[in-house]
Amino acid sequence: MCHMSYSNFAQLFRENYGCSCKKYIQYIRLNKAKDLLLNSNFDLNYIAQETGFFDCSYFIKTYKKWKGITPKQERDGHCNEKK
């Protein structure tokens, strides 16, 4: 599609964005999940599915690795800040 090999695309992507394409896509998905957590009342299963995570437990594990807190802690902490 880009008229280049996968390895060439991956190298150029890393040079321009400072990370792999896979990590960048995951970053976009996790930011969308954070937005849904903080600005909606959707349950975690829905948010995981909506942001491309097949399994809710994998979503929770990935989110915790990214932010250092679980999605529930993110939502609860944000709710406490509003009060």
C-alpha atoms as a PDB file:
ATOM      1  CA  MET A   1       0.000   0.000   0.000  1.00  0.00           C
ATOM      2  CA  CYS A   2       2.875   2.392   0.788  1.00  0.00           C
ATOM      3  CA  HIS A   3       5.029   0.932  -1.979  1.00  0.00           C
ATOM      4  CA  MET A   4       7.699  -0.130   0.475  1.00  0.00           C
ATOM      5  CA  SER A   5       8.609  -3.248   2.380  1.00  0.00           C
ATOM      6  CA  TYR A   6       7.384  -3.840   5.913  1.00  0.00           C
ATOM      7  CA  SER A   7      10.890  -3.437   7.322  1.00  0.00           C
ATOM      8  CA  ASN A   8      11.416  -0.157   5.474  1.00  0.00           C
ATOM      9  CA  PHE A   9       8.048   1.160   6.694  1.00  0.00           C
ATOM     10  CA  ALA A  10       8.821   0.067  10.266  1.00  0.00           C
ATOM     11  CA  GLN A  11      12.210   1.778  10.177  1.00  0.00           C
ATOM     12  CA  LEU A  12      10.807   5.041   8.773  1.00  0.00           C
ATOM     13  CA  PHE A  13       7.928   4.987  11.263  1.00  0.00           C
ATOM     14  CA  ARG A  14      10.327   4.528  14.184  1.00  0.00           C
ATOM     15  CA  GLU A  15      12.555   7.360  12.921  1.00  0.00           C
ATOM     16  CA  ASN A  16       9.605   9.745  12.626  1.00  0.00           C
ATOM     17  CA  TYR A  17       7.614   8.810  15.732  1.00  0.00           C
ATOM     18  CA  GLY A  18      10.264   7.431  18.081  1.00  0.00           C
ATOM     19  CA  CYS A  19       8.457   4.133  18.658  1.00  0.00           C
ATOM     20  CA  SER A  20       7.167   1.149  16.762  1.00  0.00           C
ATOM     21  CA  CYS A  21       3.895   1.315  14.862  1.00  0.00           C
ATOM     22  CA  LYS A  22       2.438  -1.279  17.238  1.00  0.00           C
ATOM     23  CA  LYS A  23       3.342   0.797  20.325  1.00  0.00           C
ATOM     24  CA  TYR A  24       1.938   3.942  18.714  1.00  0.00           C
ATOM     25  CA  ILE A  25      -1.386   2.256  17.928  1.00  0.00           C
ATOM     26  CA  GLN A  26      -1.536   0.924  21.487  1.00  0.00           C
ATOM     27  CA  TYR A  27      -0.879   4.446  22.806  1.00  0.00           C
ATOM     28  CA  ILE A  28      -3.780   5.818  20.715  1.00  0.00           C
ATOM     29  CA  ARG A  29      -6.097   3.029  21.912  1.00  0.00           C
ATOM     30  CA  LEU A  30      -5.168   3.550  25.570  1.00  0.00           C
ATOM     31  CA  ASN A  31      -5.739   7.302  25.331  1.00  0.00           C
ATOM     32  CA  LYS A  32      -9.170   6.661  23.815  1.00  0.00           C
ATOM     33  CA  ALA A  33      -9.886   4.236  26.668  1.00  0.00           C
ATOM     34  CA  LYS A  34      -8.817   6.863  29.216  1.00  0.00           C
ATOM     35  CA  ASP A  35     -11.144   9.390  27.589  1.00  0.00           C
ATOM     36  CA  LEU A  36     -14.036   6.920  27.774  1.00  0.00           C
ATOM     37  CA  LEU A  37     -13.224   6.087  31.398  1.00  0.00           C
ATOM     38  CA  LEU A  38     -13.215   9.709  32.464  1.00  0.00           C
ATOM     39  CA  ASN A  39     -16.069  11.011  30.328  1.00  0.00           C
ATOM     40  CA  SER A  40     -18.617   8.204  30.190  1.00  0.00           C
ATOM     41  CA  ASN A  41     -20.307   5.614  32.355  1.00  0.00           C
ATOM     42  CA  PHE A  42     -19.578   2.679  30.033  1.00  0.00           C
ATOM     43  CA  ASP A  43     -18.422  -0.483  31.772  1.00  0.00           C
ATOM     44  CA  LEU A  44     -14.897  -1.818  31.356  1.00  0.00           C
ATOM     45  CA  ASN A  45     -15.964  -4.631  29.024  1.00  0.00           C
ATOM     46  CA  TYR A  46     -17.520  -2.136  26.627  1.00  0.00           C
ATOM     47  CA  ILE A  47     -14.510   0.200  26.778  1.00  0.00           C
ATOM     48  CA  ALA A  48     -12.100  -2.688  26.206  1.00  0.00           C
ATOM     49  CA  GLN A  49     -14.070  -3.862  23.187  1.00  0.00           C
ATOM     50  CA  GLU A  50     -14.588  -0.347  21.821  1.00  0.00           C
ATOM     51  CA  THR A  51     -10.851   0.381  21.928  1.00  0.00           C
ATOM     52  CA  GLY A  52      -9.819  -2.860  20.268  1.00  0.00           C
ATOM     53  CA  PHE A  53      -8.946  -5.060  23.227  1.00  0.00           C
ATOM     54  CA  PHE A  54     -10.381  -8.535  22.724  1.00  0.00           C
ATOM     55  CA  ASP A  55     -10.160  -9.411  26.405  1.00  0.00           C
ATOM     56  CA  CYS A  56     -11.060  -7.129  29.335  1.00  0.00           C
ATOM     57  CA  SER A  57      -8.393  -8.619  31.594  1.00  0.00           C
ATOM     58  CA  TYR A  58      -5.710  -7.904  28.966  1.00  0.00           C
ATOM     59  CA  PHE A  59      -7.037  -4.345  28.706  1.00  0.00           C
ATOM     60  CA  ILE A  60      -6.751  -3.903  32.489  1.00  0.00           C
ATOM     61  CA  LYS A  61      -3.237  -5.380  32.535  1.00  0.00           C
ATOM     62  CA  THR A  62      -2.100  -3.171  29.633  1.00  0.00           C
ATOM     63  CA  TYR A  63      -3.673  -0.051  31.117  1.00  0.00           C
ATOM     64  CA  LYS A  64      -2.028  -0.678  34.485  1.00  0.00           C
ATOM     65  CA  LYS A  65       1.350  -1.173  32.824  1.00  0.00           C
ATOM     66  CA  TRP A  66       0.869   2.125  30.920  1.00  0.00           C
ATOM     67  CA  LYS A  67      -0.497   4.309  33.750  1.00  0.00           C
ATOM     68  CA  GLY A  68       0.524   2.489  36.921  1.00  0.00           C
ATOM     69  CA  ILE A  69      -3.109   2.269  38.038  1.00  0.00           C
ATOM     70  CA  THR A  70      -6.068   0.161  36.947  1.00  0.00           C
ATOM     71  CA  PRO A  71      -8.853   1.620  34.809  1.00  0.00           C
ATOM     72  CA  LYS A  72     -11.187   1.452  37.829  1.00  0.00           C
ATOM     73  CA  GLN A  73      -8.684   3.402  39.939  1.00  0.00           C
ATOM     74  CA  GLU A  74      -8.412   5.955  37.116  1.00  0.00           C
ATOM     75  CA  ARG A  75     -12.179   6.409  37.029  1.00  0.00           C
ATOM     76  CA  ASP A  76     -12.569   6.448  40.835  1.00  0.00           C
ATOM     77  CA  GLY A  77      -9.728   8.939  41.259  1.00  0.00           C
ATOM     78  CA  HIS A  78     -11.208  11.205  38.642  1.00  0.00           C
ATOM     79  CA  CYS A  79     -14.641  11.046  40.277  1.00  0.00           C
ATOM     80  CA  ASN A  80     -13.100  11.975  43.644  1.00  0.00           C
ATOM     81  CA  GLU A  81     -11.333  14.970  42.062  1.00  0.00           C
ATOM     82  CA  LYS A  82     -14.668  16.330  40.802  1.00  0.00           C
ATOM     83  CA  LYS A  83     -16.170  16.413  44.315  1.00  0.00           C
END
